[in-house]
Amino acid sequence: MGAVYAPTKGSSRHEYTTNPRLMVYVALIANYIGTDHMIEEKKRKFKPTVETKLAQADSNRVGELARKEGKTKSEVVREAVLWYLDHKEELQFRDREALIAKEIRGMTDRICAMLARQGDAIGTLYELTWMSLPNEDARAQFNTAMTTAKQKTRKRLEKDERDLAEVLKKVVKS
């Protein structure tokens, strides 16, 4: 049996002791009461130390923060290191995600500009063709052909959008 936390002889203070009689006595009382909280194995935990050097201004900032929060400098630095370790991956990817978002905005702007130029050209061609049609039958045939062309274009556009979405997913994952 290891050391137990119990009152020492002639004192009301609790200390760790290895006195076998006292340990048995405490164990019997704990068993009688039905609680194990009176017997507490003394555990030594290894807590490695990490040292670093800070500029005086940074050390002062840590000290001021510790005073404001009612903590020691070690507690403040420990919390800062643990927060950094927990969020390191997120911090690494933040710049990459910003770059990807910038590239996507650039691609979107180029596509929109291209579509606007195409729209202008198509609108001009549409009006010139419409105005040159000789009669209502020709205009009806033109409208039918235009409706069919719009449907085919819409199907191709939907496929292109799906393909583009897949490419972007691969870029974001890598």
Protein backbone atom coordinates (compact mmCIF):
# COMPACT_ATOMS: atom_id res chain seq x y z
CA MET A 1 0.00 0.00 0.00
CA GLY A 2 1.29 3.51 -0.77
CA ALA A 3 1.10 6.64 1.33
CA VAL A 4 -2.26 7.92 2.54
CA TYR A 5 -3.56 11.36 3.30
CA ALA A 6 -4.54 11.30 6.99
CA PRO A 7 -4.26 13.30 10.21
CA THR A 8 -0.83 12.93 11.80
CA LYS A 9 -0.39 12.01 15.44
CA GLY A 10 -0.86 14.92 17.84
CA SER A 11 -2.02 17.31 15.15
CA SER A 12 -5.12 18.21 13.21
CA ARG A 13 -3.07 18.71 10.07
CA HIS A 14 -3.44 16.24 7.23
CA GLU A 15 -0.24 14.93 5.72
CA TYR A 16 0.86 11.99 3.65
CA THR A 17 2.05 9.16 5.87
CA THR A 18 3.45 5.66 5.41
CA ASN A 19 2.79 4.55 9.03
CA PRO A 20 1.28 1.05 8.57
CA ARG A 21 -0.93 1.20 11.68
CA LEU A 22 -2.38 4.55 10.72
CA MET A 23 -2.94 3.37 7.14
CA VAL A 24 -4.87 0.31 8.35
CA TYR A 25 -6.88 2.46 10.77
CA VAL A 26 -7.82 4.92 8.01
CA ALA A 27 -8.68 2.05 5.66
CA LEU A 28 -10.98 0.46 8.27
CA ILE A 29 -12.76 3.75 8.92
CA ALA A 30 -13.16 4.38 5.20
CA ASN A 31 -14.51 0.88 4.70
CA TYR A 32 -16.90 1.25 7.65
CA ILE A 33 -18.22 4.59 6.37
CA GLY A 34 -18.35 3.21 2.85
CA THR A 35 -16.30 5.90 1.21
CA ASP A 36 -12.97 5.75 -0.45
CA HIS A 37 -12.36 9.47 -0.44
CA MET A 38 -10.50 9.32 2.87
CA ILE A 39 -7.77 7.17 1.33
CA GLU A 40 -5.95 8.98 -1.34
CA GLU A 41 -2.90 7.53 -2.99
CA LYS A 42 -0.14 10.07 -3.33
CA LYS A 43 0.38 10.51 -7.02
CA ARG A 44 3.34 12.23 -8.50
CA LYS A 45 2.66 13.67 -11.90
CA PHE A 46 5.47 14.50 -14.25
CA LYS A 47 4.96 17.94 -15.67
CA PRO A 48 7.76 18.87 -18.04
CA THR A 49 8.96 22.44 -17.98
CA VAL A 50 9.32 24.55 -21.11
CA GLU A 51 11.36 27.71 -20.91
CA THR A 52 11.46 30.63 -23.29
CA LYS A 53 12.70 34.18 -23.43
CA LEU A 54 10.45 37.16 -24.06
CA ALA A 55 11.20 40.77 -24.80
CA GLN A 56 10.64 42.98 -21.76
CA ALA A 57 7.55 44.56 -23.34
CA ASP A 58 6.01 41.14 -24.01
CA SER A 59 6.81 39.96 -20.50
CA ASN A 60 5.13 43.10 -19.13
CA ARG A 61 2.04 42.38 -21.25
CA VAL A 62 1.87 38.82 -19.90
CA GLY A 63 2.26 40.13 -16.36
CA GLU A 64 -0.48 42.73 -16.85
CA LEU A 65 -2.86 40.16 -18.30
CA ALA A 66 -2.11 37.79 -15.41
CA ARG A 67 -2.90 40.53 -12.89
CA LYS A 68 -6.16 41.44 -14.66
CA GLU A 69 -7.32 37.80 -14.72
CA GLY A 70 -6.01 36.93 -11.26
CA LYS A 71 -3.69 34.24 -12.59
CA THR A 72 -0.01 33.53 -12.56
CA LYS A 73 2.16 34.29 -15.56
CA SER A 74 2.67 30.55 -15.99
CA GLU A 75 -1.08 29.97 -16.22
CA VAL A 76 -1.48 32.72 -18.83
CA VAL A 77 1.41 31.39 -20.93
CA ARG A 78 0.16 27.78 -20.56
CA GLU A 79 -3.32 28.80 -21.77
CA ALA A 80 -1.80 30.71 -24.70
CA VAL A 81 0.34 27.75 -25.76
CA LEU A 82 -2.56 25.30 -25.47
CA TRP A 83 -4.86 27.63 -27.45
CA TYR A 84 -2.21 27.93 -30.16
CA LEU A 85 -1.76 24.16 -30.36
CA ASP A 86 -5.54 23.67 -30.58
CA HIS A 87 -5.91 26.27 -33.36
CA LYS A 88 -2.63 25.82 -35.28
CA GLU A 89 -4.22 23.89 -38.14
CA GLU A 90 -6.97 26.47 -38.50
CA LEU A 91 -4.37 29.27 -38.60
CA GLN A 92 -2.33 27.46 -41.25
CA PHE A 93 -5.32 27.03 -43.55
CA ARG A 94 -6.68 30.57 -43.10
CA ASP A 95 -4.16 32.05 -45.59
CA ARG A 96 -4.70 29.20 -48.04
CA GLU A 97 -8.49 29.63 -47.87
CA ALA A 98 -8.15 33.38 -48.45
CA LEU A 99 -6.00 32.72 -51.52
CA ILE A 100 -8.52 30.19 -52.87
CA ALA A 101 -11.40 32.62 -52.28
CA LYS A 102 -9.47 35.37 -54.09
CA GLU A 103 -8.81 33.08 -57.07
CA ILE A 104 -12.47 32.02 -57.20
CA ARG A 105 -13.57 35.68 -57.20
CA GLY A 106 -11.11 36.38 -60.02
CA MET A 107 -12.43 33.44 -62.06
CA THR A 108 -16.01 34.54 -61.42
CA ASP A 109 -15.24 38.08 -62.58
CA ARG A 110 -13.59 36.80 -65.77
CA ILE A 111 -16.52 34.47 -66.52
CA CYS A 112 -19.05 37.25 -65.92
CA ALA A 113 -17.15 39.63 -68.21
CA MET A 114 -16.97 36.95 -70.90
CA LEU A 115 -20.70 36.23 -70.57
CA ALA A 116 -21.50 39.92 -70.82
CA ARG A 117 -19.48 40.22 -74.05
CA GLN A 118 -21.18 37.10 -75.41
CA GLY A 119 -24.60 38.47 -74.45
CA ASP A 120 -23.90 41.71 -76.30
CA ALA A 121 -22.76 39.83 -79.39
CA ILE A 122 -25.72 37.45 -79.31
CA GLY A 123 -28.18 40.29 -78.77
CA THR A 124 -26.79 42.15 -81.77
CA LEU A 125 -26.93 39.05 -83.95
CA TYR A 126 -30.47 38.30 -82.76
CA GLU A 127 -31.73 41.76 -83.67
CA LEU A 128 -30.01 41.77 -87.06
CA THR A 129 -31.44 38.33 -87.88
CA TRP A 130 -34.93 39.24 -86.64
CA MET A 131 -35.00 42.46 -88.65
CA SER A 132 -33.90 40.68 -91.82
CA LEU A 133 -36.64 38.03 -91.68
CA PRO A 134 -39.10 38.50 -94.61
CA ASN A 135 -42.41 37.44 -92.97
CA GLU A 136 -44.24 36.00 -89.94
CA ASP A 137 -43.63 32.35 -90.94
CA ALA A 138 -39.87 32.96 -90.97
CA ARG A 139 -40.09 34.70 -87.60
CA ALA A 140 -42.07 31.75 -86.12
CA GLN A 141 -39.42 29.32 -87.42
CA PHE A 142 -36.72 31.58 -85.97
CA ASN A 143 -38.45 31.55 -82.55
CA THR A 144 -38.69 27.74 -82.64
CA ALA A 145 -35.01 27.42 -83.53
CA MET A 146 -34.11 29.91 -80.81
CA THR A 147 -36.11 27.97 -78.17
CA THR A 148 -34.36 24.71 -79.14
CA ALA A 149 -30.95 26.42 -79.00
CA LYS A 150 -31.73 27.85 -75.53
CA GLN A 151 -32.68 24.38 -74.24
CA LYS A 152 -29.48 22.81 -75.58
CA THR A 153 -27.39 25.65 -74.16
CA ARG A 154 -29.07 25.31 -70.76
CA LYS A 155 -28.26 21.56 -70.66
CA ARG A 156 -24.61 22.19 -71.59
CA LEU A 157 -24.38 24.99 -69.03
CA GLU A 158 -25.73 22.74 -66.26
CA LYS A 159 -23.15 20.07 -67.15
CA ASP A 160 -20.36 22.66 -67.24
CA GLU A 161 -21.44 24.00 -63.83
CA ARG A 162 -21.34 20.48 -62.34
CA ASP A 163 -17.89 19.85 -63.84
CA LEU A 164 -16.62 23.18 -62.49
CA ALA A 165 -18.03 22.40 -59.04
CA GLU A 166 -16.14 19.07 -59.02
CA VAL A 167 -12.89 20.77 -60.05
CA LEU A 168 -13.30 23.36 -57.29
CA LYS A 169 -13.98 20.63 -54.70
CA LYS A 170 -10.71 18.93 -55.67
CA VAL A 171 -8.80 22.22 -55.41
CA VAL A 172 -10.25 23.01 -51.99
CA LYS A 173 -9.51 19.50 -50.65
CA SER A 174 -5.87 19.51 -51.79
